[in-house]
Amino acid sequence: MSESSGVPRIELLRFAERVAEQHLVRVRGWRVAEEQRLAAQAQRARRRPPAPDWLLERGIGVGARPQLIHKGDCWDLNDRCRPITRDEARRWIVEHIPACGQCRPDTALELLD
């Protein structure tokens, strides 16, 4: 910086300081907003009921036969799944409803062929 522009060096430094302070205020606002978002996300996660241990994937259409049995933490789920008990999952697999090939509930239920 030089004073050849006609503006004293101290004025340029004061200007730079004001710009930096404004930027810091903006960044702090972003941080506060992110902290609030994370807190709300954590609160929603605490209220969420635990995932069921076993799921039955229903077929499409009225009266359709169930399609698959899944573990509750399977990544390959859709909106046609409903929670079932361990005993129900075992019974459905024994009654020839296929086990999901991704999460392998038959292995977890110790029902291997």
PDB file of N, CA and C in Angstrom:
ATOM      1  N   MET A   1       0.840  -1.175   0.000  1.00  0.00           N
ATOM      2  CA  MET A   1       0.000   0.000   0.000  1.00  0.00           C
ATOM      3  C   MET A   1       0.885   1.238   0.000  1.00  0.00           C
ATOM      4  N   SER A   2       0.449   2.160  -0.730  1.00  0.00           N
ATOM      5  CA  SER A   2       1.184   3.413  -0.765  1.00  0.00           C
ATOM      6  C   SER A   2       0.195   4.565  -0.740  1.00  0.00           C
ATOM      7  N   GLU A   3       0.715   5.702  -0.460  1.00  0.00           N
ATOM      8  CA  GLU A   3      -0.141   6.880  -0.412  1.00  0.00           C
ATOM      9  C   GLU A   3      -0.155   7.589  -1.751  1.00  0.00           C
ATOM     10  N   SER A   4       0.339   6.933  -2.795  1.00  0.00           N
ATOM     11  CA  SER A   4       0.356   7.565  -4.109  1.00  0.00           C
ATOM     12  C   SER A   4      -1.060   7.702  -4.673  1.00  0.00           C
ATOM     13  N   SER A   5      -2.021   6.907  -4.135  1.00  0.00           N
ATOM     14  CA  SER A   5      -3.412   7.002  -4.593  1.00  0.00           C
ATOM     15  C   SER A   5      -4.120   8.180  -3.939  1.00  0.00           C
ATOM     16  N   GLY A   6      -3.460   8.812  -3.012  1.00  0.00           N
ATOM     17  CA  GLY A   6      -4.042   9.964  -2.357  1.00  0.00           C
ATOM     18  C   GLY A   6      -4.783   9.604  -1.073  1.00  0.00           C
ATOM     19  N   VAL A   7      -4.951   8.300  -0.786  1.00  0.00           N
ATOM     20  CA  VAL A   7      -5.643   7.873   0.431  1.00  0.00           C
ATOM     21  C   VAL A   7      -4.575   7.471   1.439  1.00  0.00           C
ATOM     22  N   PRO A   8      -4.631   8.022   2.636  1.00  0.00           N
ATOM     23  CA  PRO A   8      -3.615   7.658   3.627  1.00  0.00           C
ATOM     24  C   PRO A   8      -3.662   6.149   3.931  1.00  0.00           C
ATOM     25  N   ARG A   9      -2.531   5.591   4.179  1.00  0.00           N
ATOM     26  CA  ARG A   9      -2.390   4.157   4.468  1.00  0.00           C
ATOM     27  C   ARG A   9      -3.267   3.743   5.651  1.00  0.00           C
ATOM     28  N   ILE A  10      -3.370   4.548   6.663  1.00  0.00           N
ATOM     29  CA  ILE A  10      -4.170   4.204   7.837  1.00  0.00           C
ATOM     30  C   ILE A  10      -5.641   4.061   7.466  1.00  0.00           C
ATOM     31  N   GLU A  11      -6.134   4.870   6.535  1.00  0.00           N
ATOM     32  CA  GLU A  11      -7.531   4.765   6.091  1.00  0.00           C
ATOM     33  C   GLU A  11      -7.763   3.466   5.332  1.00  0.00           C
ATOM     34  N   LEU A  12      -6.800   3.065   4.510  1.00  0.00           N
ATOM     35  CA  LEU A  12      -6.907   1.802   3.786  1.00  0.00           C
ATOM     36  C   LEU A  12      -6.930   0.621   4.760  1.00  0.00           C
ATOM     37  N   LEU A  13      -6.107   0.696   5.804  1.00  0.00           N
ATOM     38  CA  LEU A  13      -6.094  -0.373   6.803  1.00  0.00           C
ATOM     39  C   LEU A  13      -7.414  -0.421   7.574  1.00  0.00           C
ATOM     40  N   ARG A  14      -7.970   0.732   7.900  1.00  0.00           N
ATOM     41  CA  ARG A  14      -9.259   0.752   8.591  1.00  0.00           C
ATOM     42  C   ARG A  14     -10.359   0.149   7.704  1.00  0.00           C
ATOM     43  N   PHE A  15     -10.309   0.476   6.417  1.00  0.00           N
ATOM     44  CA  PHE A  15     -11.276  -0.089   5.482  1.00  0.00           C
ATOM     45  C   PHE A  15     -11.132  -1.624   5.423  1.00  0.00           C
ATOM     46  N   ALA A  16      -9.919  -2.100   5.315  1.00  0.00           N
ATOM     47  CA  ALA A  16      -9.678  -3.544   5.266  1.00  0.00           C
ATOM     48  C   ALA A  16     -10.171  -4.215   6.548  1.00  0.00           C
ATOM     49  N   GLU A  17      -9.986  -3.552   7.675  1.00  0.00           N
ATOM     50  CA  GLU A  17     -10.453  -4.098   8.956  1.00  0.00           C
ATOM     51  C   GLU A  17     -11.987  -4.188   8.978  1.00  0.00           C
ATOM     52  N   ARG A  18     -12.674  -3.160   8.478  1.00  0.00           N
ATOM     53  CA  ARG A  18     -14.149  -3.198   8.447  1.00  0.00           C
ATOM     54  C   ARG A  18     -14.644  -4.329   7.543  1.00  0.00           C
ATOM     55  N   VAL A  19     -14.016  -4.513   6.407  1.00  0.00           N
ATOM     56  CA  VAL A  19     -14.411  -5.592   5.491  1.00  0.00           C
ATOM     57  C   VAL A  19     -14.191  -6.939   6.165  1.00  0.00           C
ATOM     58  N   ALA A  20     -13.065  -7.114   6.846  1.00  0.00           N
ATOM     59  CA  ALA A  20     -12.783  -8.375   7.540  1.00  0.00           C
ATOM     60  C   ALA A  20     -13.797  -8.617   8.656  1.00  0.00           C
ATOM     61  N   GLU A  21     -14.172  -7.578   9.394  1.00  0.00           N
ATOM     62  CA  GLU A  21     -15.175  -7.717  10.464  1.00  0.00           C
ATOM     63  C   GLU A  21     -16.532  -8.111   9.889  1.00  0.00           C
ATOM     64  N   GLN A  22     -16.913  -7.511   8.768  1.00  0.00           N
ATOM     65  CA  GLN A  22     -18.185  -7.863   8.134  1.00  0.00           C
ATOM     66  C   GLN A  22     -18.168  -9.326   7.679  1.00  0.00           C
ATOM     67  N   HIS A  23     -17.072  -9.746   7.127  1.00  0.00           N
ATOM     68  CA  HIS A  23     -16.939 -11.135   6.687  1.00  0.00           C
ATOM     69  C   HIS A  23     -17.020 -12.075   7.894  1.00  0.00           C
ATOM     70  N   LEU A  24     -16.365 -11.725   8.986  1.00  0.00           N
ATOM     71  CA  LEU A  24     -16.400 -12.549  10.194  1.00  0.00           C
ATOM     72  C   LEU A  24     -17.823 -12.665  10.737  1.00  0.00           C
ATOM     73  N   VAL A  25     -18.576 -11.581  10.710  1.00  0.00           N
ATOM     74  CA  VAL A  25     -19.983 -11.616  11.161  1.00  0.00           C
ATOM     75  C   VAL A  25     -20.774 -12.571  10.272  1.00  0.00           C
ATOM     76  N   ARG A  26     -20.561 -12.515   8.967  1.00  0.00           N
ATOM     77  CA  ARG A  26     -21.272 -13.392   8.043  1.00  0.00           C
ATOM     78  C   ARG A  26     -20.910 -14.856   8.299  1.00  0.00           C
ATOM     79  N   VAL A  27     -19.642 -15.161   8.486  1.00  0.00           N
ATOM     80  CA  VAL A  27     -19.206 -16.533   8.739  1.00  0.00           C
ATOM     81  C   VAL A  27     -19.769 -17.038  10.068  1.00  0.00           C
ATOM     82  N   ARG A  28     -19.788 -16.187  11.084  1.00  0.00           N
ATOM     83  CA  ARG A  28     -20.372 -16.596  12.376  1.00  0.00           C
ATOM     84  C   ARG A  28     -21.865 -16.898  12.222  1.00  0.00           C
ATOM     85  N   GLY A  29     -22.556 -16.130  11.408  1.00  0.00           N
ATOM     86  CA  GLY A  29     -23.968 -16.403  11.136  1.00  0.00           C
ATOM     87  C   GLY A  29     -24.157 -17.752  10.464  1.00  0.00           C
ATOM     88  N   TRP A  30     -23.294 -18.083   9.525  1.00  0.00           N
ATOM     89  CA  TRP A  30     -23.363 -19.397   8.858  1.00  0.00           C
ATOM     90  C   TRP A  30     -23.118 -20.517   9.871  1.00  0.00           C
ATOM     91  N   ARG A  31     -22.148 -20.291  10.764  1.00  0.00           N
ATOM     92  CA  ARG A  31     -21.826 -21.306  11.774  1.00  0.00           C
ATOM     93  C   ARG A  31     -23.013 -21.521  12.709  1.00  0.00           C
ATOM     94  N   VAL A  32     -23.634 -20.440  13.164  1.00  0.00           N
ATOM     95  CA  VAL A  32     -24.788 -20.552  14.058  1.00  0.00           C
ATOM     96  C   VAL A  32     -25.926 -21.287  13.351  1.00  0.00           C
ATOM     97  N   ALA A  33     -26.174 -20.960  12.094  1.00  0.00           N
ATOM     98  CA  ALA A  33     -27.230 -21.637  11.338  1.00  0.00           C
ATOM     99  C   ALA A  33     -26.931 -23.131  11.208  1.00  0.00           C
ATOM    100  N   GLU A  34     -25.684 -23.485  10.972  1.00  0.00           N
ATOM    101  CA  GLU A  34     -25.311 -24.899  10.859  1.00  0.00           C
ATOM    102  C   GLU A  34     -25.455 -25.614  12.193  1.00  0.00           C
ATOM    103  N   GLU A  35     -25.078 -24.950  13.286  1.00  0.00           N
ATOM    104  CA  GLU A  35     -25.257 -25.555  14.610  1.00  0.00           C
ATOM    105  C   GLU A  35     -26.735 -25.802  14.899  1.00  0.00           C
ATOM    106  N   GLN A  36     -27.594 -24.865  14.517  1.00  0.00           N
ATOM    107  CA  GLN A  36     -29.035 -25.034  14.722  1.00  0.00           C
ATOM    108  C   GLN A  36     -29.571 -26.178  13.868  1.00  0.00           C
ATOM    109  N   ARG A  37     -29.099 -26.293  12.628  1.00  0.00           N
ATOM    110  CA  ARG A  37     -29.535 -27.375  11.751  1.00  0.00           C
ATOM    111  C   ARG A  37     -29.136 -28.725  12.321  1.00  0.00           C
ATOM    112  N   LEU A  38     -27.901 -28.825  12.808  1.00  0.00           N
ATOM    113  CA  LEU A  38     -27.422 -30.080  13.386  1.00  0.00           C
ATOM    114  C   LEU A  38     -28.177 -30.438  14.663  1.00  0.00           C
ATOM    115  N   ALA A  39     -28.490 -29.442  15.482  1.00  0.00           N
ATOM    116  CA  ALA A  39     -29.249 -29.701  16.709  1.00  0.00           C
ATOM    117  C   ALA A  39     -30.654 -30.193  16.382  1.00  0.00           C
ATOM    118  N   ALA A  40     -31.297 -29.590  15.386  1.00  0.00           N
ATOM    119  CA  ALA A  40     -32.633 -30.028  14.988  1.00  0.00           C
ATOM    120  C   ALA A  40     -32.591 -31.442  14.418  1.00  0.00           C
ATOM    121  N   GLN A  41     -31.566 -31.744  13.655  1.00  0.00           N
ATOM    122  CA  GLN A  41     -31.407 -33.082  13.089  1.00  0.00           C
ATOM    123  C   GLN A  41     -31.218 -34.114  14.203  1.00  0.00           C
ATOM    124  N   ALA A  42     -30.412 -33.788  15.192  1.00  0.00           N
ATOM    125  CA  ALA A  42     -30.194 -34.700  16.320  1.00  0.00           C
ATOM    126  C   ALA A  42     -31.476 -34.895  17.114  1.00  0.00           C
ATOM    127  N   GLN A  43     -32.254 -33.846  17.274  1.00  0.00           N
ATOM    128  CA  GLN A  43     -33.512 -33.951  18.006  1.00  0.00           C
ATOM    129  C   GLN A  43     -34.489 -34.856  17.256  1.00  0.00           C
ATOM    130  N   ARG A  44     -34.563 -34.722  15.928  1.00  0.00           N
ATOM    131  CA  ARG A  44     -35.439 -35.600  15.141  1.00  0.00           C
ATOM    132  C   ARG A  44     -34.988 -37.050  15.256  1.00  0.00           C
ATOM    133  N   ALA A  45     -33.676 -37.272  15.268  1.00  0.00           N
ATOM    134  CA  ALA A  45     -33.157 -38.637  15.373  1.00  0.00           C
ATOM    135  C   ALA A  45     -33.496 -39.248  16.725  1.00  0.00           C
ATOM    136  N   ARG A  46     -33.500 -38.448  17.783  1.00  0.00           N
ATOM    137  CA  ARG A  46     -33.847 -38.962  19.113  1.00  0.00           C
ATOM    138  C   ARG A  46     -35.317 -39.341  19.199  1.00  0.00           C
ATOM    139  N   ARG A  47     -36.187 -38.625  18.475  1.00  0.00           N
ATOM    140  CA  ARG A  47     -37.621 -38.896  18.516  1.00  0.00           C
ATOM    141  C   ARG A  47     -38.020 -40.061  17.616  1.00  0.00           C
ATOM    142  N   ARG A  48     -37.167 -40.416  16.654  1.00  0.00           N
ATOM    143  CA  ARG A  48     -37.488 -41.456  15.701  1.00  0.00           C
ATOM    144  C   ARG A  48     -37.529 -42.809  16.403  1.00  0.00           C
ATOM    145  N   PRO A  49     -38.572 -43.596  16.172  1.00  0.00           N
ATOM    146  CA  PRO A  49     -38.619 -44.916  16.797  1.00  0.00           C
ATOM    147  C   PRO A  49     -37.509 -45.802  16.226  1.00  0.00           C
ATOM    148  N   PRO A  50     -37.072 -46.775  16.991  1.00  0.00           N
ATOM    149  CA  PRO A  50     -36.007 -47.644  16.489  1.00  0.00           C
ATOM    150  C   PRO A  50     -36.496 -48.458  15.285  1.00  0.00           C
ATOM    151  N   ALA A  51     -35.582 -48.774  14.415  1.00  0.00           N
ATOM    152  CA  ALA A  51     -35.926 -49.578  13.245  1.00  0.00           C
ATOM    153  C   ALA A  51     -36.328 -50.976  13.693  1.00  0.00           C
ATOM    154  N   PRO A  52     -37.318 -51.575  13.010  1.00  0.00           N
ATOM    155  CA  PRO A  52     -37.703 -52.931  13.380  1.00  0.00           C
ATOM    156  C   PRO A  52     -36.588 -53.904  13.026  1.00  0.00           C
ATOM    157  N   ASP A  53     -36.581 -55.049  13.674  1.00  0.00           N
ATOM    158  CA  ASP A  53     -35.554 -56.048  13.391  1.00  0.00           C
ATOM    159  C   ASP A  53     -35.819 -56.790  12.089  1.00  0.00           C
ATOM    160  N   TRP A  54     -37.099 -56.950  11.725  1.00  0.00           N
ATOM    161  CA  TRP A  54     -37.473 -57.738  10.554  1.00  0.00           C
ATOM    162  C   TRP A  54     -38.589 -57.033   9.801  1.00  0.00           C
ATOM    163  N   LEU A  55     -38.589 -57.170   8.474  1.00  0.00           N
ATOM    164  CA  LEU A  55     -39.603 -56.524   7.642  1.00  0.00           C
ATOM    165  C   LEU A  55     -40.142 -57.503   6.606  1.00  0.00           C
ATOM    166  N   LEU A  56     -41.423 -57.363   6.315  1.00  0.00           N
ATOM    167  CA  LEU A  56     -42.074 -58.138   5.272  1.00  0.00           C
ATOM    168  C   LEU A  56     -42.399 -57.185   4.133  1.00  0.00           C
ATOM    169  N   GLU A  57     -41.891 -57.471   2.947  1.00  0.00           N
ATOM    170  CA  GLU A  57     -42.188 -56.650   1.775  1.00  0.00           C
ATOM    171  C   GLU A  57     -43.427 -57.210   1.104  1.00  0.00           C
ATOM    172  N   ARG A  58     -44.493 -56.416   1.080  1.00  0.00           N
ATOM    173  CA  ARG A  58     -45.753 -56.854   0.492  1.00  0.00           C
ATOM    174  C   ARG A  58     -45.672 -56.796  -1.028  1.00  0.00           C
ATOM    175  N   GLY A  59     -46.481 -57.639  -1.665  1.00  0.00           N
ATOM    176  CA  GLY A  59     -46.584 -57.609  -3.118  1.00  0.00           C
ATOM    177  C   GLY A  59     -47.423 -56.423  -3.565  1.00  0.00           C
ATOM    178  N   ILE A  60     -47.442 -56.190  -4.861  1.00  0.00           N
ATOM    179  CA  ILE A  60     -48.216 -55.082  -5.424  1.00  0.00           C
ATOM    180  C   ILE A  60     -49.630 -55.581  -5.722  1.00  0.00           C
ATOM    181  N   GLY A  61     -50.623 -54.815  -5.334  1.00  0.00           N
ATOM    182  CA  GLY A  61     -52.009 -55.154  -5.619  1.00  0.00           C
ATOM    183  C   GLY A  61     -52.704 -55.789  -4.425  1.00  0.00           C
ATOM    184  N   VAL A  62     -54.021 -55.727  -4.448  1.00  0.00           N
ATOM    185  CA  VAL A  62     -54.836 -56.265  -3.361  1.00  0.00           C
ATOM    186  C   VAL A  62     -54.705 -57.787  -3.367  1.00  0.00           C
ATOM    187  N   GLY A  63     -54.424 -58.334  -2.202  1.00  0.00           N
ATOM    188  CA  GLY A  63     -54.332 -59.782  -2.065  1.00  0.00           C
ATOM    189  C   GLY A  63     -53.061 -60.401  -2.615  1.00  0.00           C
ATOM    190  N   ALA A  64     -52.101 -59.587  -3.034  1.00  0.00           N
ATOM    191  CA  ALA A  64     -50.854 -60.123  -3.589  1.00  0.00           C
ATOM    192  C   ALA A  64     -50.029 -60.783  -2.496  1.00  0.00           C
ATOM    193  N   ARG A  65     -49.344 -61.834  -2.840  1.00  0.00           N
ATOM    194  CA  ARG A  65     -48.499 -62.576  -1.910  1.00  0.00           C
ATOM    195  C   ARG A  65     -47.276 -61.728  -1.542  1.00  0.00           C
ATOM    196  N   PRO A  66     -46.822 -61.807  -0.291  1.00  0.00           N
ATOM    197  CA  PRO A  66     -45.601 -61.078   0.086  1.00  0.00           C
ATOM    198  C   PRO A  66     -44.431 -61.467  -0.815  1.00  0.00           C
ATOM    199  N   GLN A  67     -43.506 -60.526  -1.004  1.00  0.00           N
ATOM    200  CA  GLN A  67     -42.402 -60.723  -1.938  1.00  0.00           C
ATOM    201  C   GLN A  67     -41.096 -61.154  -1.284  1.00  0.00           C
ATOM    202  N   LEU A  68     -40.713 -60.491  -0.195  1.00  0.00           N
ATOM    203  CA  LEU A  68     -39.408 -60.740   0.422  1.00  0.00           C
ATOM    204  C   LEU A  68     -39.471 -60.517   1.920  1.00  0.00           C
ATOM    205  N   ILE A  69     -38.533 -61.141   2.631  1.00  0.00           N
ATOM    206  CA  ILE A  69     -38.290 -60.872   4.042  1.00  0.00           C
ATOM    207  C   ILE A  69     -36.959 -60.126   4.117  1.00  0.00           C
ATOM    208  N   HIS A  70     -36.914 -59.052   4.903  1.00  0.00           N
ATOM    209  CA  HIS A  70     -35.702 -58.243   5.058  1.00  0.00           C
ATOM    210  C   HIS A  70     -35.333 -58.133   6.531  1.00  0.00           C
ATOM    211  N   LYS A  71     -34.035 -57.904   6.781  1.00  0.00           N
ATOM    212  CA  LYS A  71     -33.615 -57.442   8.108  1.00  0.00           C
ATOM    213  C   LYS A  71     -33.985 -55.967   8.190  1.00  0.00           C
ATOM    214  N   GLY A  72     -34.200 -55.478   9.406  1.00  0.00           N
ATOM    215  CA  GLY A  72     -34.637 -54.101   9.589  1.00  0.00           C
ATOM    216  C   GLY A  72     -33.655 -53.055   9.097  1.00  0.00           C
ATOM    217  N   ASP A  73     -32.382 -53.397   9.025  1.00  0.00           N
ATOM    218  CA  ASP A  73     -31.379 -52.417   8.592  1.00  0.00           C
ATOM    219  C   ASP A  73     -30.973 -52.590   7.130  1.00  0.00           C
ATOM    220  N   CYS A  74     -31.777 -53.318   6.359  1.00  0.00           N
ATOM    221  CA  CYS A  74     -31.463 -53.557   4.943  1.00  0.00           C
ATOM    222  C   CYS A  74     -31.469 -52.239   4.174  1.00  0.00           C
ATOM    223  N   TRP A  75     -30.548 -52.087   3.252  1.00  0.00           N
ATOM    224  CA  TRP A  75     -30.476 -50.867   2.454  1.00  0.00           C
ATOM    225  C   TRP A  75     -31.399 -50.949   1.237  1.00  0.00           C
ATOM    226  N   ASP A  76     -31.916 -52.124   0.923  1.00  0.00           N
ATOM    227  CA  ASP A  76     -32.694 -52.327  -0.292  1.00  0.00           C
ATOM    228  C   ASP A  76     -34.190 -52.396   0.006  1.00  0.00           C
ATOM    229  N   LEU A  77     -34.711 -51.408   0.728  1.00  0.00           N
ATOM    230  CA  LEU A  77     -36.113 -51.406   1.132  1.00  0.00           C
ATOM    231  C   LEU A  77     -36.936 -50.485   0.245  1.00  0.00           C
ATOM    232  N   ASN A  78     -38.254 -50.678   0.287  1.00  0.00           N
ATOM    233  CA  ASN A  78     -39.163 -49.765  -0.393  1.00  0.00           C
ATOM    234  C   ASN A  78     -40.327 -49.462   0.549  1.00  0.00           C
ATOM    235  N   ASP A  79     -41.300 -48.722   0.075  1.00  0.00           N
ATOM    236  CA  ASP A  79     -42.398 -48.294   0.961  1.00  0.00           C
ATOM    237  C   ASP A  79     -43.475 -49.365   1.136  1.00  0.00           C
ATOM    238  N   ARG A  80     -43.276 -50.549   0.592  1.00  0.00           N
ATOM    239  CA  ARG A  80     -44.246 -51.627   0.781  1.00  0.00           C
ATOM    240  C   ARG A  80     -43.856 -52.564   1.917  1.00  0.00           C
ATOM    241  N   CYS A  81     -42.904 -52.177   2.740  1.00  0.00           N
ATOM    242  CA  CYS A  81     -42.443 -53.012   3.850  1.00  0.00           C
ATOM    243  C   CYS A  81     -43.180 -52.669   5.138  1.00  0.00           C
ATOM    244  N   ARG A  82     -43.442 -53.704   5.927  1.00  0.00           N
ATOM    245  CA  ARG A  82     -44.043 -53.488   7.244  1.00  0.00           C
ATOM    246  C   ARG A  82     -43.278 -54.320   8.265  1.00  0.00           C
ATOM    247  N   PRO A  83     -43.221 -53.853   9.503  1.00  0.00           N
ATOM    248  CA  PRO A  83     -42.468 -54.580  10.531  1.00  0.00           C
ATOM    249  C   PRO A  83     -43.148 -55.909  10.882  1.00  0.00           C
ATOM    250  N   ILE A  84     -42.325 -56.903  11.174  1.00  0.00           N
ATOM    251  CA  ILE A  84     -42.821 -58.192  11.655  1.00  0.00           C
ATOM    252  C   ILE A  84     -41.897 -58.667  12.770  1.00  0.00           C
ATOM    253  N   THR A  85     -42.351 -59.671  13.530  1.00  0.00           N
ATOM    254  CA  THR A  85     -41.545 -60.222  14.617  1.00  0.00           C
ATOM    255  C   THR A  85     -40.570 -61.258  14.077  1.00  0.00           C
ATOM    256  N   ARG A  86     -39.638 -61.656  14.904  1.00  0.00           N
ATOM    257  CA  ARG A  86     -38.672 -62.688  14.527  1.00  0.00           C
ATOM    258  C   ARG A  86     -39.392 -63.990  14.174  1.00  0.00           C
ATOM    259  N   ASP A  87     -40.379 -64.363  14.981  1.00  0.00           N
ATOM    260  CA  ASP A  87     -41.123 -65.591  14.720  1.00  0.00           C
ATOM    261  C   ASP A  87     -41.874 -65.514  13.392  1.00  0.00           C
ATOM    262  N   GLU A  88     -42.466 -64.359  13.109  1.00  0.00           N
ATOM    263  CA  GLU A  88     -43.156 -64.196  11.826  1.00  0.00           C
ATOM    264  C   GLU A  88     -42.177 -64.299  10.662  1.00  0.00           C
ATOM    265  N   ALA A  89     -41.010 -63.687  10.803  1.00  0.00           N
ATOM    266  CA  ALA A  89     -40.004 -63.748   9.735  1.00  0.00           C
ATOM    267  C   ALA A  89     -39.603 -65.200   9.482  1.00  0.00           C
ATOM    268  N   ARG A  90     -39.358 -65.951  10.546  1.00  0.00           N
ATOM    269  CA  ARG A  90     -39.004 -67.373  10.393  1.00  0.00           C
ATOM    270  C   ARG A  90     -40.138 -68.127   9.695  1.00  0.00           C
ATOM    271  N   ARG A  91     -41.364 -67.868  10.131  1.00  0.00           N
ATOM    272  CA  ARG A  91     -42.513 -68.577   9.550  1.00  0.00           C
ATOM    273  C   ARG A  91     -42.660 -68.257   8.065  1.00  0.00           C
ATOM    274  N   TRP A  92     -42.544 -66.992   7.685  1.00  0.00           N
ATOM    275  CA  TRP A  92     -42.679 -66.609   6.276  1.00  0.00           C
ATOM    276  C   TRP A  92     -41.593 -67.257   5.424  1.00  0.00           C
ATOM    277  N   ILE A  93     -40.373 -67.309   5.922  1.00  0.00           N
ATOM    278  CA  ILE A  93     -39.295 -67.934   5.145  1.00  0.00           C
ATOM    279  C   ILE A  93     -39.556 -69.427   4.998  1.00  0.00           C
ATOM    280  N   VAL A  94     -39.992 -70.071   6.067  1.00  0.00           N
ATOM    281  CA  VAL A  94     -40.322 -71.495   6.004  1.00  0.00           C
ATOM    282  C   VAL A  94     -41.469 -71.729   5.015  1.00  0.00           C
ATOM    283  N   GLU A  95     -42.390 -70.768   4.927  1.00  0.00           N
ATOM    284  CA  GLU A  95     -43.520 -70.876   3.998  1.00  0.00           C
ATOM    285  C   GLU A  95     -43.145 -70.405   2.589  1.00  0.00           C
ATOM    286  N   HIS A  96     -41.858 -70.352   2.287  1.00  0.00           N
ATOM    287  CA  HIS A  96     -41.327 -70.102   0.942  1.00  0.00           C
ATOM    288  C   HIS A  96     -41.473 -68.675   0.445  1.00  0.00           C
ATOM    289  N   ILE A  97     -41.430 -67.722   1.346  1.00  0.00           N
ATOM    290  CA  ILE A  97     -41.271 -66.324   0.934  1.00  0.00           C
ATOM    291  C   ILE A  97     -39.769 -66.092   0.910  1.00  0.00           C
ATOM    292  N   PRO A  98     -39.207 -65.669  -0.211  1.00  0.00           N
ATOM    293  CA  PRO A  98     -37.747 -65.551  -0.310  1.00  0.00           C
ATOM    294  C   PRO A  98     -37.157 -64.532   0.671  1.00  0.00           C
ATOM    295  N   ALA A  99     -35.946 -64.830   1.080  1.00  0.00           N
ATOM    296  CA  ALA A  99     -35.170 -63.892   1.895  1.00  0.00           C
ATOM    297  C   ALA A  99     -34.459 -62.927   0.960  1.00  0.00           C
ATOM    298  N   CYS A 100     -34.338 -61.692   1.370  1.00  0.00           N
ATOM    299  CA  CYS A 100     -33.630 -60.678   0.583  1.00  0.00           C
ATOM    300  C   CYS A 100     -32.193 -61.144   0.346  1.00  0.00           C
ATOM    301  N   GLY A 101     -31.754 -61.025  -0.881  1.00  0.00           N
ATOM    302  CA  GLY A 101     -30.390 -61.420  -1.215  1.00  0.00           C
ATOM    303  C   GLY A 101     -29.336 -60.427  -0.778  1.00  0.00           C
ATOM    304  N   GLN A 102     -29.759 -59.232  -0.360  1.00  0.00           N
ATOM    305  CA  GLN A 102     -28.803 -58.210   0.062  1.00  0.00           C
ATOM    306  C   GLN A 102     -28.495 -58.305   1.551  1.00  0.00           C
ATOM    307  N   CYS A 103     -29.545 -58.403   2.373  1.00  0.00           N
ATOM    308  CA  CYS A 103     -29.344 -58.380   3.836  1.00  0.00           C
ATOM    309  C   CYS A 103     -29.344 -59.776   4.450  1.00  0.00           C
ATOM    310  N   ARG A 104     -29.760 -60.784   3.705  1.00  0.00           N
ATOM    311  CA  ARG A 104     -29.728 -62.195   4.099  1.00  0.00           C
ATOM    312  C   ARG A 104     -30.334 -62.470   5.475  1.00  0.00           C
ATOM    313  N   PRO A 105     -31.645 -62.214   5.644  1.00  0.00           N
ATOM    314  CA  PRO A 105     -32.276 -62.500   6.934  1.00  0.00           C
ATOM    315  C   PRO A 105     -32.301 -63.991   7.256  1.00  0.00           C
ATOM    316  N   ASP A 106     -32.268 -64.852   6.226  1.00  0.00           N
ATOM    317  CA  ASP A 106     -32.258 -66.288   6.479  1.00  0.00           C
ATOM    318  C   ASP A 106     -31.000 -66.705   7.241  1.00  0.00           C
ATOM    319  N   THR A 107     -29.892 -66.048   6.956  1.00  0.00           N
ATOM    320  CA  THR A 107     -28.652 -66.327   7.686  1.00  0.00           C
ATOM    321  C   THR A 107     -28.773 -65.855   9.121  1.00  0.00           C
ATOM    322  N   ALA A 108     -29.304 -64.647   9.316  1.00  0.00           N
ATOM    323  CA  ALA A 108     -29.461 -64.109  10.657  1.00  0.00           C
ATOM    324  C   ALA A 108     -30.450 -64.933  11.477  1.00  0.00           C
ATOM    325  N   LEU A 109     -31.442 -65.530  10.814  1.00  0.00           N
ATOM    326  CA  LEU A 109     -32.433 -66.350  11.495  1.00  0.00           C
ATOM    327  C   LEU A 109     -32.003 -67.828  11.584  1.00  0.00           C
ATOM    328  N   GLU A 110     -30.822 -68.097  11.054  1.00  0.00           N
ATOM    329  CA  GLU A 110     -30.258 -69.460  11.056  1.00  0.00           C
ATOM    330  C   GLU A 110     -31.184 -70.437  10.337  1.00  0.00           C
ATOM    331  N   LEU A 111     -31.673 -70.021   9.150  1.00  0.00           N
ATOM    332  CA  LEU A 111     -32.552 -70.852   8.346  1.00  0.00           C
ATOM    333  C   LEU A 111     -31.942 -71.110   6.975  1.00  0.00           C
ATOM    334  N   LEU A 112     -30.722 -71.538   6.928  1.00  0.00           N
ATOM    335  CA  LEU A 112     -30.062 -71.774   5.644  1.00  0.00           C
ATOM    336  C   LEU A 112     -30.516 -73.111   5.077  1.00  0.00           C
ATOM    337  N   ASP A 113     -30.591 -73.160   3.731  1.00  0.00           N
ATOM    338  CA  ASP A 113     -30.966 -74.429   3.064  1.00  0.00           C
ATOM    339  C   ASP A 113     -29.872 -75.448   3.203  1.00  0.00           C
TER     340      ASP A 113
END
